[in-house]
Protein backbone atom coordinates (compact mmCIF):
# COMPACT_ATOMS: atom_id res chain seq x y z
CA UNK A 1 52.97 95.80 97.70
CA UNK A 2 53.22 98.15 94.69
CA UNK A 3 56.78 99.03 95.65
CA UNK A 4 57.61 95.33 95.85
CA UNK A 5 56.25 94.69 92.33
CA UNK A 6 58.20 97.63 90.89
CA UNK A 7 61.37 96.44 92.59
CA UNK A 8 60.87 92.91 91.21
CA UNK A 9 60.31 94.19 87.65
CA UNK A 10 63.36 96.43 87.90
CA UNK A 11 65.47 93.54 89.15
CA UNK A 12 64.34 91.29 86.28
CA UNK A 13 64.99 94.03 83.69
CA UNK A 14 68.42 94.75 85.14
CA UNK A 15 69.33 91.08 85.21
CA UNK A 16 68.18 90.68 81.61
CA UNK A 17 70.13 93.73 80.46
CA UNK A 18 73.27 92.54 82.24
CA UNK A 19 72.88 89.09 80.66
CA UNK A 20 73.62 90.45 77.17
CA UNK A 21 77.29 90.41 76.20
CA UNK A 22 78.39 92.73 73.35
CA UNK A 23 79.91 90.75 70.48
CA UNK A 24 81.94 91.35 67.31
CA UNK A 25 81.32 89.40 64.11
CA UNK A 26 83.62 89.19 61.08
CA UNK A 27 82.44 87.71 57.83
CA UNK A 28 83.20 86.91 54.20
CA UNK A 29 80.44 88.01 51.83
CA UNK A 30 79.36 87.55 48.23
CA UNK A 31 76.58 89.34 46.41
CA UNK A 32 75.40 91.63 43.66
CA UNK A 33 78.30 94.06 44.14
CA UNK A 34 81.05 91.43 44.33
CA UNK A 35 83.10 89.65 46.98
CA UNK A 36 84.29 91.20 50.20
CA UNK A 37 84.14 91.30 53.96
CA UNK A 38 82.21 92.92 56.78
CA UNK A 39 82.55 93.61 60.48
CA UNK A 40 79.59 93.98 62.84
CA UNK A 41 79.54 95.14 66.47
CA UNK A 42 76.45 93.96 68.36
CA UNK A 43 76.68 96.42 71.25
CA UNK A 44 73.09 95.88 72.40
CA UNK A 45 70.68 92.99 72.16
CA UNK A 46 68.63 95.10 69.71
CA UNK A 47 71.33 97.14 67.95
CA UNK A 48 74.52 96.64 65.94
CA UNK A 49 76.78 98.74 63.73
CA UNK A 50 78.04 97.07 60.55
CA UNK A 51 80.63 98.07 57.95
CA UNK A 52 81.05 96.25 54.64
CA UNK A 53 83.15 96.40 51.45
CA UNK A 54 82.62 94.41 48.23
CA UNK A 55 84.35 94.56 44.85
CA UNK A 56 85.32 92.55 41.80
CA UNK A 57 81.99 91.82 40.07
CA UNK A 58 81.75 92.52 36.34
CA UNK A 59 79.21 91.44 33.76
CA UNK A 60 78.26 92.19 30.16
CA UNK A 61 74.82 92.84 28.71
CA UNK A 62 73.29 94.51 25.67
CA UNK A 63 70.12 96.41 24.81
CA UNK A 64 68.53 98.31 21.92
CA UNK A 65 67.64 102.01 21.93
CA UNK A 66 66.01 103.56 18.84
CA UNK A 67 67.75 101.21 16.42
CA UNK A 68 71.14 101.35 18.13
CA UNK A 69 72.52 98.19 19.69
CA UNK A 70 74.47 98.98 22.86
CA UNK A 71 76.96 96.58 24.42
CA UNK A 72 77.65 97.41 28.07
CA UNK A 73 80.39 96.16 30.40
CA UNK A 74 79.40 96.73 34.03
CA UNK A 75 81.79 97.01 36.99
CA UNK A 76 80.33 96.96 40.50
CA UNK A 77 81.71 97.68 43.95
CA UNK A 78 80.36 99.20 47.14
CA UNK A 79 81.09 100.02 50.75
CA UNK A 80 78.54 100.71 53.47
CA UNK A 81 78.07 101.72 57.09
CA UNK A 82 74.74 100.98 58.69
CA UNK A 83 72.78 100.51 61.89
CA UNK A 84 71.07 97.14 62.30
CA UNK A 85 67.98 96.89 64.49
CA UNK A 86 67.01 93.47 65.87
CA UNK A 87 63.36 93.96 66.94
CA UNK A 88 63.10 90.54 68.58
CA UNK A 89 66.64 90.53 70.03
CA UNK A 90 67.43 87.49 67.86
CA UNK A 91 68.66 86.95 64.31
CA UNK A 92 66.21 88.97 62.17
CA UNK A 93 67.14 92.62 61.64
CA UNK A 94 66.14 95.81 59.86
CA UNK A 95 68.93 97.97 58.54
CA UNK A 96 69.41 101.63 57.57
CA UNK A 97 72.50 103.64 56.75
CA UNK A 98 74.64 104.90 53.90
CA UNK A 99 76.23 103.12 50.98
CA UNK A 100 79.07 104.32 48.78
CA UNK A 101 78.38 102.39 45.56
CA UNK A 102 80.35 102.57 42.34
CA UNK A 103 78.23 100.93 39.65
CA UNK A 104 79.03 102.01 36.11
CA UNK A 105 79.46 100.63 32.62
CA UNK A 106 81.42 101.28 29.47
CA UNK A 107 79.05 101.56 26.50
CA UNK A 108 79.59 100.80 22.80
CA UNK A 109 76.77 101.38 20.33
CA UNK A 110 76.45 100.30 16.71
CA UNK A 111 73.51 100.64 14.30
CA UNK A 112 71.08 97.75 14.32
CA UNK A 113 71.13 97.49 10.53
CA UNK A 114 74.92 97.83 10.46
CA UNK A 115 75.07 100.99 8.38
CA UNK A 116 72.83 103.86 9.55
CA UNK A 117 72.23 105.40 12.98
CA UNK A 118 68.99 107.10 13.96
CA UNK A 119 69.97 109.72 16.54
CA UNK A 120 67.31 112.19 17.66
CA UNK A 121 65.28 111.35 14.52
CA UNK A 122 68.21 112.14 12.21
CA UNK A 123 70.15 109.61 10.13
CA UNK A 124 73.94 109.26 10.23
CA UNK A 125 76.12 106.83 8.30
CA UNK A 126 78.18 104.51 10.48
CA UNK A 127 81.07 104.95 8.04
CA UNK A 128 81.16 108.64 9.00
CA UNK A 129 80.78 108.60 12.76
CA UNK A 130 82.08 105.13 13.67
CA UNK A 131 80.75 103.75 16.96
CA UNK A 132 78.87 105.59 19.69
CA UNK A 133 80.94 105.06 22.83
CA UNK A 134 80.90 106.33 26.38
CA UNK A 135 80.03 105.61 29.99
CA UNK A 136 76.86 105.10 31.99
CA UNK A 137 76.73 105.44 35.77
CA UNK A 138 73.88 103.78 37.64
CA UNK A 139 74.81 105.01 41.10
CA UNK A 140 77.83 106.43 42.90
CA UNK A 141 78.72 108.87 45.66
CA UNK A 142 77.00 108.56 49.06
CA UNK A 143 73.47 107.14 48.88
CA UNK A 144 70.82 106.13 51.45
CA UNK A 145 70.39 102.41 52.06
CA UNK A 146 67.69 100.27 53.71
CA UNK A 147 67.51 96.51 54.09
CA UNK A 148 66.44 93.42 56.00
CA UNK A 149 68.52 90.44 56.99
CA UNK A 150 69.30 87.46 59.17
CA UNK A 151 72.46 87.20 61.30
CA UNK A 152 73.34 85.21 64.42
CA UNK A 153 75.46 87.95 65.99
CA UNK A 154 73.95 87.51 69.45
CA UNK A 155 75.92 84.36 70.22
CA UNK A 156 79.46 83.14 69.60
CA UNK A 157 80.29 80.74 66.80
CA UNK A 158 80.25 80.16 63.06
CA UNK A 159 77.04 80.88 61.11
CA UNK A 160 75.59 81.87 57.77
CA UNK A 161 73.94 85.23 57.18
CA UNK A 162 72.03 87.01 54.42
CA UNK A 163 70.72 90.47 53.64
CA UNK A 164 68.54 92.09 50.98
CA UNK A 165 68.53 95.86 50.58
CA UNK A 166 67.90 98.83 48.30
CA UNK A 167 70.22 101.71 47.47
CA UNK A 168 69.15 104.89 45.68
CA UNK A 169 70.36 105.40 42.10
CA UNK A 170 72.08 108.51 40.78
CA UNK A 171 72.40 108.13 37.03
CA UNK A 172 74.61 109.83 34.50
CA UNK A 173 75.35 109.08 30.83
CA UNK A 174 78.19 110.44 28.69
CA UNK A 175 78.44 109.57 24.96
CA UNK A 176 80.68 110.50 22.06
CA UNK A 177 81.51 109.09 18.64
CA UNK A 178 84.70 107.18 17.92
CA UNK A 179 85.40 109.54 15.01
CA UNK A 180 84.89 112.63 17.23
CA UNK A 181 82.86 114.13 14.37
CA UNK A 182 80.60 115.96 16.82
CA UNK A 183 83.49 118.29 17.68
CA UNK A 184 83.05 119.94 14.27
CA UNK A 185 79.35 119.20 13.71
CA UNK A 186 77.10 121.03 16.21
CA UNK A 187 73.96 119.27 14.96
CA UNK A 188 75.50 115.85 15.62
CA UNK A 189 76.65 117.10 19.01
CA UNK A 190 73.07 118.13 19.83
CA UNK A 191 71.79 114.73 18.72
CA UNK A 192 74.38 112.91 20.84
CA UNK A 193 73.24 114.95 23.87
CA UNK A 194 69.63 113.97 23.09
CA UNK A 195 70.65 110.30 22.92
CA UNK A 196 72.36 110.66 26.31
CA UNK A 197 69.16 112.03 27.80
CA UNK A 198 67.07 109.19 26.36
CA UNK A 199 69.38 106.61 27.91
CA UNK A 200 69.38 108.48 31.23
CA UNK A 201 65.59 108.65 31.23
CA UNK A 202 65.43 104.87 30.68
CA UNK A 203 67.84 104.19 33.56
CA UNK A 204 65.97 106.63 35.82
CA UNK A 205 62.94 104.34 35.61
CA UNK A 206 64.81 102.28 38.21
CA UNK A 207 64.94 104.66 41.23
CA UNK A 208 66.63 102.07 43.44
CA UNK A 209 69.12 99.27 42.87
CA UNK A 210 68.64 95.96 44.72
CA UNK A 211 71.59 94.66 46.72
CA UNK A 212 71.56 91.05 47.91
CA UNK A 213 74.42 89.50 49.88
CA UNK A 214 75.05 86.27 51.71
CA UNK A 215 78.04 85.00 53.58
CA UNK A 216 79.61 83.19 56.45
CA UNK A 217 80.48 84.90 59.70
CA UNK A 218 82.22 84.15 62.96
CA UNK A 219 81.04 85.86 66.13
CA UNK A 220 83.43 86.29 69.05
């Protein structure tokens, strides 16, 4: 009798496993790193491999740091390769993999009062040094990624999908003055480096960057 039960369970499991048909999904996506496309291969009822690329999103913002008003122009793009795990063999999935983000900004700073900078507790006339300009990188290179989402890649047809994830940040800030006065003034150069570190420390308070995408996909 025991052998009969084992054989029955094995037959059911085998039938269930054979019932799943691997599928490929292609989709158009939009999200926090721009517009793009992805391809997903659901090779198992619980597992899929997904690749994605997004680009083309830019936005402007400004903030104040120690009496300096900074205008920032962000450009965002990213590519990723990840493994999606469908714990219930349906639409909901957990995701882990790598992302290659490129999220940076051009920075232009001017004194809040219009005439005097306070850099590292020292005063500088705007007429002497001009603007404080440079670049700030939020994250780039190869970074770990985790996320959760919803995708109907287990059956053929047209469907919507969405995903929310987190990618690690890797910040860097580079500043200079438009007059290049720091090249002949070592004290100003030191103060510019201190200002860079302050900005980097502020950005580092965000150890991860949220990435949300949604789109439409067709599964073959």
